[in-house]
Amino acid sequence: MSRLFVVTGAPGAGKSTVVPELLRLSAGGLVVMDMDELLDDDGSLLGITITDPAAAPHWPAYNTLWLRITELVRRSGIPVLLLGPLTPSQLPEGRWLHLDCPDDVRRKRLTARDWSADEIEDAVRDAAELRTLVPRSVQGGGTPEESAREILAWVND
């Protein structure tokens, strides 16, 4: 089975924004998946708002679903790059990279999404935790193309 690469990051790091550049620059040699892609516009899947902290009891099942999806693709011999707000304990497989950005950039991005001050500070705390759990990182404060190039260099390392 081919490799699984996991790029994690707290909200506002640029995970979803970098996907089109990853697809363009990888030129088909890598399957790129964003965990948000299964969700409806309101953040729900099968009637459960996965993005709501109240849905935390469902997160392990959601992570297992994604692991199975990646296994289906990887058995064809094509490596998979999965982007999502995960920690290694939640998906203990694959090679891990942290897409990060400065906290002031994160705050600005999440403010533009109309996140509340409490939600933004939760995301900043999540980012601090991910910095300790996944020490290898790429800074997502630049352009999506720059971030994608750094991520692909890590994949090809």
C-alpha atoms as a PDB file:
ATOM      1  CA  MET A   1       0.000   0.000   0.000  1.00  0.00           C
ATOM      2  CA  SER A   2       1.307   3.471  -0.808  1.00  0.00           C
ATOM      3  CA  ARG A   3       2.093   6.193   1.720  1.00  0.00           C
ATOM      4  CA  LEU A   4      -0.256   8.424   3.651  1.00  0.00           C
ATOM      5  CA  PHE A   5       0.846  11.993   4.278  1.00  0.00           C
ATOM      6  CA  VAL A   6      -1.172  14.007   6.791  1.00  0.00           C
ATOM      7  CA  VAL A   7      -1.064  17.784   6.921  1.00  0.00           C
ATOM      8  CA  THR A   8      -2.689  19.076  10.058  1.00  0.00           C
ATOM      9  CA  GLY A   9      -3.406  22.611  11.149  1.00  0.00           C
ATOM     10  CA  ALA A  10      -5.719  24.569  13.368  1.00  0.00           C
ATOM     11  CA  PRO A  11      -8.515  26.569  11.751  1.00  0.00           C
ATOM     12  CA  GLY A  12      -7.218  29.468   9.695  1.00  0.00           C
ATOM     13  CA  ALA A  13      -3.869  27.876   8.839  1.00  0.00           C
ATOM     14  CA  GLY A  14      -4.730  27.656   5.139  1.00  0.00           C
ATOM     15  CA  LYS A  15      -5.434  23.930   4.690  1.00  0.00           C
ATOM     16  CA  SER A  16      -8.432  24.305   2.368  1.00  0.00           C
ATOM     17  CA  THR A  17      -6.913  27.297   0.583  1.00  0.00           C
ATOM     18  CA  VAL A  18      -3.775  25.372  -0.376  1.00  0.00           C
ATOM     19  CA  VAL A  19      -5.644  22.396  -1.907  1.00  0.00           C
ATOM     20  CA  PRO A  20      -6.047  23.835  -5.447  1.00  0.00           C
ATOM     21  CA  GLU A  21      -2.327  24.661  -5.565  1.00  0.00           C
ATOM     22  CA  LEU A  22      -1.390  21.207  -4.291  1.00  0.00           C
ATOM     23  CA  LEU A  23      -3.523  19.661  -7.036  1.00  0.00           C
ATOM     24  CA  ARG A  24      -2.041  21.900  -9.709  1.00  0.00           C
ATOM     25  CA  LEU A  25       1.579  21.448  -8.636  1.00  0.00           C
ATOM     26  CA  SER A  26       1.432  17.705  -7.946  1.00  0.00           C
ATOM     27  CA  ALA A  27       0.175  17.100 -11.501  1.00  0.00           C
ATOM     28  CA  GLY A  28      -1.713  13.912 -10.668  1.00  0.00           C
ATOM     29  CA  GLY A  29       1.081  12.087  -8.879  1.00  0.00           C
ATOM     30  CA  LEU A  30      -0.645  12.457  -5.540  1.00  0.00           C
ATOM     31  CA  VAL A  31      -4.258  12.258  -4.405  1.00  0.00           C
ATOM     32  CA  VAL A  32      -5.025  15.344  -2.338  1.00  0.00           C
ATOM     33  CA  MET A  33      -7.992  15.275   0.053  1.00  0.00           C
ATOM     34  CA  ASP A  34      -9.299  17.869   2.489  1.00  0.00           C
ATOM     35  CA  MET A  35     -11.400  16.510   5.361  1.00  0.00           C
ATOM     36  CA  ASP A  36     -13.828  19.410   4.854  1.00  0.00           C
ATOM     37  CA  GLU A  37     -14.688  18.109   1.379  1.00  0.00           C
ATOM     38  CA  LEU A  38     -17.206  15.562   2.683  1.00  0.00           C
ATOM     39  CA  LEU A  39     -19.067  18.162   4.708  1.00  0.00           C
ATOM     40  CA  ASP A  40     -22.088  20.133   3.584  1.00  0.00           C
ATOM     41  CA  ASP A  41     -21.823  23.934   3.547  1.00  0.00           C
ATOM     42  CA  ASP A  42     -23.046  24.075   7.155  1.00  0.00           C
ATOM     43  CA  GLY A  43     -20.280  21.712   8.342  1.00  0.00           C
ATOM     44  CA  SER A  44     -22.563  18.695   8.610  1.00  0.00           C
ATOM     45  CA  LEU A  45     -22.345  15.105   7.434  1.00  0.00           C
ATOM     46  CA  LEU A  46     -25.332  12.773   7.569  1.00  0.00           C
ATOM     47  CA  GLY A  47     -27.187  15.293   9.724  1.00  0.00           C
ATOM     48  CA  ILE A  48     -24.397  15.750  12.275  1.00  0.00           C
ATOM     49  CA  THR A  49     -22.616  19.093  12.429  1.00  0.00           C
ATOM     50  CA  ILE A  50     -19.131  17.622  12.633  1.00  0.00           C
ATOM     51  CA  THR A  51     -17.488  21.022  13.077  1.00  0.00           C
ATOM     52  CA  ASP A  52     -19.409  21.750  16.296  1.00  0.00           C
ATOM     53  CA  PRO A  53     -17.543  20.887  19.525  1.00  0.00           C
ATOM     54  CA  ALA A  54     -20.731  19.157  20.694  1.00  0.00           C
ATOM     55  CA  ALA A  55     -20.072  16.584  17.954  1.00  0.00           C
ATOM     56  CA  ALA A  56     -16.793  15.519  19.604  1.00  0.00           C
ATOM     57  CA  PRO A  57     -18.168  12.027  20.405  1.00  0.00           C
ATOM     58  CA  HIS A  58     -18.533  11.490  16.624  1.00  0.00           C
ATOM     59  CA  TRP A  59     -15.029  12.649  15.688  1.00  0.00           C
ATOM     60  CA  PRO A  60     -13.350   9.232  16.137  1.00  0.00           C
ATOM     61  CA  ALA A  61     -15.846   7.688  13.696  1.00  0.00           C
ATOM     62  CA  TYR A  62     -15.277  10.538  11.241  1.00  0.00           C
ATOM     63  CA  ASN A  63     -11.508  10.027  11.470  1.00  0.00           C
ATOM     64  CA  THR A  64     -11.947   6.278  10.914  1.00  0.00           C
ATOM     65  CA  LEU A  65     -14.063   7.017   7.854  1.00  0.00           C
ATOM     66  CA  TRP A  66     -11.261   9.154   6.432  1.00  0.00           C
ATOM     67  CA  LEU A  67      -8.654   6.506   7.174  1.00  0.00           C
ATOM     68  CA  ARG A  68     -10.755   3.963   5.262  1.00  0.00           C
ATOM     69  CA  ILE A  69     -11.180   6.354   2.340  1.00  0.00           C
ATOM     70  CA  THR A  70      -7.418   6.880   2.162  1.00  0.00           C
ATOM     71  CA  GLU A  71      -6.824   3.117   2.335  1.00  0.00           C
ATOM     72  CA  LEU A  72      -9.155   2.564  -0.629  1.00  0.00           C
ATOM     73  CA  VAL A  73      -7.139   4.985  -2.720  1.00  0.00           C
ATOM     74  CA  ARG A  74      -3.713   3.942  -1.431  1.00  0.00           C
ATOM     75  CA  ARG A  75      -4.236   0.295  -2.301  1.00  0.00           C
ATOM     76  CA  SER A  76      -4.088   1.388  -5.961  1.00  0.00           C
ATOM     77  CA  GLY A  77      -0.482   2.416  -5.327  1.00  0.00           C
ATOM     78  CA  ILE A  78      -1.099   6.159  -5.376  1.00  0.00           C
ATOM     79  CA  PRO A  79       0.033   8.115  -2.313  1.00  0.00           C
ATOM     80  CA  VAL A  80      -2.525  10.258  -0.496  1.00  0.00           C
ATOM     81  CA  LEU A  81      -2.132  13.655   1.101  1.00  0.00           C
ATOM     82  CA  LEU A  82      -4.892  14.265   3.660  1.00  0.00           C
ATOM     83  CA  LEU A  83      -5.435  17.720   5.125  1.00  0.00           C
ATOM     84  CA  GLY A  84      -7.442  18.106   8.328  1.00  0.00           C
ATOM     85  CA  PRO A  85      -7.459  19.419  11.883  1.00  0.00           C
ATOM     86  CA  LEU A  86      -6.121  16.193  13.344  1.00  0.00           C
ATOM     87  CA  THR A  87      -3.581  15.120  15.913  1.00  0.00           C
ATOM     88  CA  PRO A  88      -1.432  12.000  15.538  1.00  0.00           C
ATOM     89  CA  SER A  89      -3.380  10.301  18.345  1.00  0.00           C
ATOM     90  CA  GLN A  90      -6.619  10.782  16.386  1.00  0.00           C
ATOM     91  CA  LEU A  91      -5.243   9.184  13.219  1.00  0.00           C
ATOM     92  CA  PRO A  92      -2.147   7.232  14.228  1.00  0.00           C
ATOM     93  CA  GLU A  93      -0.939   6.481  10.742  1.00  0.00           C
ATOM     94  CA  GLY A  94       1.036   8.277   8.110  1.00  0.00           C
ATOM     95  CA  ARG A  95       3.747  10.873   7.976  1.00  0.00           C
ATOM     96  CA  TRP A  96       2.803  14.162   9.665  1.00  0.00           C
ATOM     97  CA  LEU A  97       3.344  17.846   8.873  1.00  0.00           C
ATOM     98  CA  HIS A  98       1.879  20.894  10.589  1.00  0.00           C
ATOM     99  CA  LEU A  99       0.626  23.749   8.396  1.00  0.00           C
ATOM    100  CA  ASP A 100       0.903  26.751  10.676  1.00  0.00           C
ATOM    101  CA  CYS A 101       0.653  30.515  10.479  1.00  0.00           C
ATOM    102  CA  PRO A 102       1.316  33.376  12.870  1.00  0.00           C
ATOM    103  CA  ASP A 103      -1.458  33.846  15.414  1.00  0.00           C
ATOM    104  CA  ASP A 104      -2.184  37.386  14.191  1.00  0.00           C
ATOM    105  CA  VAL A 105      -2.725  36.031  10.657  1.00  0.00           C
ATOM    106  CA  ARG A 106      -4.991  33.281  12.040  1.00  0.00           C
ATOM    107  CA  ARG A 107      -7.034  35.839  14.008  1.00  0.00           C
ATOM    108  CA  LYS A 108      -7.455  38.014  10.901  1.00  0.00           C
ATOM    109  CA  ARG A 109      -8.528  35.066   8.724  1.00  0.00           C
ATOM    110  CA  LEU A 110     -11.035  33.763  11.265  1.00  0.00           C
ATOM    111  CA  THR A 111     -12.422  37.252  11.930  1.00  0.00           C
ATOM    112  CA  ALA A 112     -13.072  37.497   8.180  1.00  0.00           C
ATOM    113  CA  ARG A 113     -15.104  34.252   8.509  1.00  0.00           C
ATOM    114  CA  ASP A 114     -17.210  35.913  11.225  1.00  0.00           C
ATOM    115  CA  TRP A 115     -15.898  33.656  13.986  1.00  0.00           C
ATOM    116  CA  SER A 116     -16.553  34.833  17.524  1.00  0.00           C
ATOM    117  CA  ALA A 117     -13.680  35.975  19.748  1.00  0.00           C
ATOM    118  CA  ASP A 118     -14.020  32.797  21.836  1.00  0.00           C
ATOM    119  CA  GLU A 119     -13.903  30.563  18.744  1.00  0.00           C
ATOM    120  CA  ILE A 120     -10.827  32.396  17.487  1.00  0.00           C
ATOM    121  CA  GLU A 121      -9.012  31.992  20.797  1.00  0.00           C
ATOM    122  CA  ASP A 122      -9.898  28.270  20.784  1.00  0.00           C
ATOM    123  CA  ALA A 123      -8.260  28.028  17.346  1.00  0.00           C
ATOM    124  CA  VAL A 124      -5.168  29.858  18.627  1.00  0.00           C
ATOM    125  CA  ARG A 125      -4.945  27.379  21.534  1.00  0.00           C
ATOM    126  CA  ASP A 126      -5.373  24.480  19.084  1.00  0.00           C
ATOM    127  CA  ALA A 127      -2.492  25.868  17.028  1.00  0.00           C
ATOM    128  CA  ALA A 128      -0.269  26.075  20.105  1.00  0.00           C
ATOM    129  CA  GLU A 129      -1.059  22.448  20.953  1.00  0.00           C
ATOM    130  CA  LEU A 130      -0.338  21.283  17.390  1.00  0.00           C
ATOM    131  CA  ARG A 131       3.049  23.019  17.510  1.00  0.00           C
ATOM    132  CA  THR A 132       4.044  20.657  20.319  1.00  0.00           C
ATOM    133  CA  LEU A 133       2.436  17.523  18.861  1.00  0.00           C
ATOM    134  CA  VAL A 134       3.687  17.884  15.275  1.00  0.00           C
ATOM    135  CA  PRO A 135       6.990  19.750  15.411  1.00  0.00           C
ATOM    136  CA  ARG A 136       7.729  19.573  11.663  1.00  0.00           C
ATOM    137  CA  SER A 137       5.885  22.527  10.148  1.00  0.00           C
ATOM    138  CA  VAL A 138       5.374  24.742   7.144  1.00  0.00           C
ATOM    139  CA  GLN A 139       4.360  28.347   7.655  1.00  0.00           C
ATOM    140  CA  GLY A 140       1.098  29.070   5.838  1.00  0.00           C
ATOM    141  CA  GLY A 141       1.318  32.832   6.189  1.00  0.00           C
ATOM    142  CA  GLY A 142       2.507  33.363   2.610  1.00  0.00           C
ATOM    143  CA  THR A 143       0.755  32.600  -0.644  1.00  0.00           C
ATOM    144  CA  PRO A 144      -1.065  29.304  -1.191  1.00  0.00           C
ATOM    145  CA  GLU A 145       1.433  28.441  -3.941  1.00  0.00           C
ATOM    146  CA  GLU A 146       4.388  28.963  -1.587  1.00  0.00           C
ATOM    147  CA  SER A 147       2.780  26.749   1.045  1.00  0.00           C
ATOM    148  CA  ALA A 148       1.932  24.087  -1.526  1.00  0.00           C
ATOM    149  CA  ARG A 149       5.512  24.031  -2.810  1.00  0.00           C
ATOM    150  CA  GLU A 150       6.840  23.563   0.741  1.00  0.00           C
ATOM    151  CA  ILE A 151       4.333  20.783   1.452  1.00  0.00           C
ATOM    152  CA  LEU A 152       5.208  18.965  -1.771  1.00  0.00           C
ATOM    153  CA  ALA A 153       8.930  19.297  -1.029  1.00  0.00           C
ATOM    154  CA  TRP A 154       8.214  17.564   2.314  1.00  0.00           C
ATOM    155  CA  VAL A 155       6.194  14.821   0.549  1.00  0.00           C
ATOM    156  CA  ASN A 156       9.043  14.242  -1.882  1.00  0.00           C
ATOM    157  CA  ASP A 157      11.739  14.332   0.830  1.00  0.00           C
END
